[in-house]
């Protein structure tokens, strides 16, 4: 048993959905790539978390 042909509206909707899916996939790939570059640089990734951390303190001689 064969299904009927898709209506022209479904064809246009599929094209828009495919385009939006490609744009979203490109955005996810961009964010993932930037994350990989940031992590692979080797810089210490420390952030302010309301706790004293000696590793982030500037030594007295450099002030």
C-alpha atoms as a PDB file:
ATOM      1  CA  UNK A   1       0.000   0.000   0.000  1.00  0.00           C
ATOM      2  CA  UNK A   2       1.485   3.315  -1.071  1.00  0.00           C
ATOM      3  CA  UNK A   3       0.884   6.583   0.690  1.00  0.00           C
ATOM      4  CA  UNK A   4      -0.419   9.553  -1.227  1.00  0.00           C
ATOM      5  CA  UNK A   5       1.837  12.334  -2.413  1.00  0.00           C
ATOM      6  CA  UNK A   6       2.758  15.067   0.077  1.00  0.00           C
ATOM      7  CA  UNK A   7       0.926  18.310  -0.225  1.00  0.00           C
ATOM      8  CA  UNK A   8       2.945  21.314  -1.417  1.00  0.00           C
ATOM      9  CA  UNK A   9       2.613  22.858   2.058  1.00  0.00           C
ATOM     10  CA  UNK A  10       4.391  19.874   3.619  1.00  0.00           C
ATOM     11  CA  UNK A  11       7.229  20.180   1.117  1.00  0.00           C
ATOM     12  CA  UNK A  12       7.759  23.863   1.954  1.00  0.00           C
ATOM     13  CA  UNK A  13       7.527  23.162   5.686  1.00  0.00           C
ATOM     14  CA  UNK A  14      10.121  20.401   5.372  1.00  0.00           C
ATOM     15  CA  UNK A  15      12.471  22.817   3.602  1.00  0.00           C
ATOM     16  CA  UNK A  16      12.130  25.400   6.369  1.00  0.00           C
ATOM     17  CA  UNK A  17      12.571  22.768   9.073  1.00  0.00           C
ATOM     18  CA  UNK A  18      15.667  21.413   7.344  1.00  0.00           C
ATOM     19  CA  UNK A  19      17.144  24.923   7.085  1.00  0.00           C
ATOM     20  CA  UNK A  20      16.435  25.662  10.741  1.00  0.00           C
ATOM     21  CA  UNK A  21      17.904  22.318  11.760  1.00  0.00           C
ATOM     22  CA  UNK A  22      21.101  23.072   9.832  1.00  0.00           C
ATOM     23  CA  UNK A  23      21.381  26.519  11.442  1.00  0.00           C
ATOM     24  CA  UNK A  24      20.909  25.037  14.913  1.00  0.00           C
ATOM     25  CA  UNK A  25      23.456  22.295  14.206  1.00  0.00           C
ATOM     26  CA  UNK A  26      25.953  24.931  13.033  1.00  0.00           C
ATOM     27  CA  UNK A  27      25.388  26.952  16.214  1.00  0.00           C
ATOM     28  CA  UNK A  28      25.916  23.878  18.400  1.00  0.00           C
ATOM     29  CA  UNK A  29      29.093  23.022  16.455  1.00  0.00           C
ATOM     30  CA  UNK A  30      30.353  26.599  16.916  1.00  0.00           C
ATOM     31  CA  UNK A  31      29.755  26.568  20.680  1.00  0.00           C
ATOM     32  CA  UNK A  32      31.315  23.108  20.975  1.00  0.00           C
ATOM     33  CA  UNK A  33      34.355  24.197  18.973  1.00  0.00           C
ATOM     34  CA  UNK A  34      34.846  27.312  21.071  1.00  0.00           C
ATOM     35  CA  UNK A  35      34.573  25.222  24.228  1.00  0.00           C
ATOM     36  CA  UNK A  36      37.178  22.745  22.977  1.00  0.00           C
ATOM     37  CA  UNK A  37      39.566  25.583  22.090  1.00  0.00           C
ATOM     38  CA  UNK A  38      39.068  27.232  25.479  1.00  0.00           C
ATOM     39  CA  UNK A  39      39.693  23.976  27.371  1.00  0.00           C
ATOM     40  CA  UNK A  40      42.664  22.888  25.255  1.00  0.00           C
ATOM     41  CA  UNK A  41      44.574  26.163  25.728  1.00  0.00           C
ATOM     42  CA  UNK A  42      45.774  24.879  29.090  1.00  0.00           C
ATOM     43  CA  UNK A  43      45.016  28.034  31.047  1.00  0.00           C
ATOM     44  CA  UNK A  44      43.676  27.438  34.528  1.00  0.00           C
ATOM     45  CA  UNK A  45      39.923  27.739  34.343  1.00  0.00           C
ATOM     46  CA  UNK A  46      39.143  29.257  37.707  1.00  0.00           C
ATOM     47  CA  UNK A  47      36.210  31.514  38.341  1.00  0.00           C
ATOM     48  CA  UNK A  48      34.815  33.522  41.221  1.00  0.00           C
ATOM     49  CA  UNK A  49      32.753  31.192  43.384  1.00  0.00           C
ATOM     50  CA  UNK A  50      32.605  33.141  46.681  1.00  0.00           C
ATOM     51  CA  UNK A  51      35.368  31.106  48.276  1.00  0.00           C
ATOM     52  CA  UNK A  52      38.952  32.206  48.935  1.00  0.00           C
ATOM     53  CA  UNK A  53      41.409  30.379  46.677  1.00  0.00           C
ATOM     54  CA  UNK A  54      45.135  30.868  47.154  1.00  0.00           C
ATOM     55  CA  UNK A  55      45.844  30.006  43.522  1.00  0.00           C
ATOM     56  CA  UNK A  56      44.056  33.138  42.340  1.00  0.00           C
ATOM     57  CA  UNK A  57      45.632  35.538  44.837  1.00  0.00           C
ATOM     58  CA  UNK A  58      48.152  38.058  43.556  1.00  0.00           C
ATOM     59  CA  UNK A  59      51.425  37.837  45.497  1.00  0.00           C
ATOM     60  CA  UNK A  60      52.426  40.871  47.604  1.00  0.00           C
ATOM     61  CA  UNK A  61      55.561  41.490  45.498  1.00  0.00           C
ATOM     62  CA  UNK A  62      53.458  41.992  42.304  1.00  0.00           C
ATOM     63  CA  UNK A  63      51.035  44.518  43.785  1.00  0.00           C
END
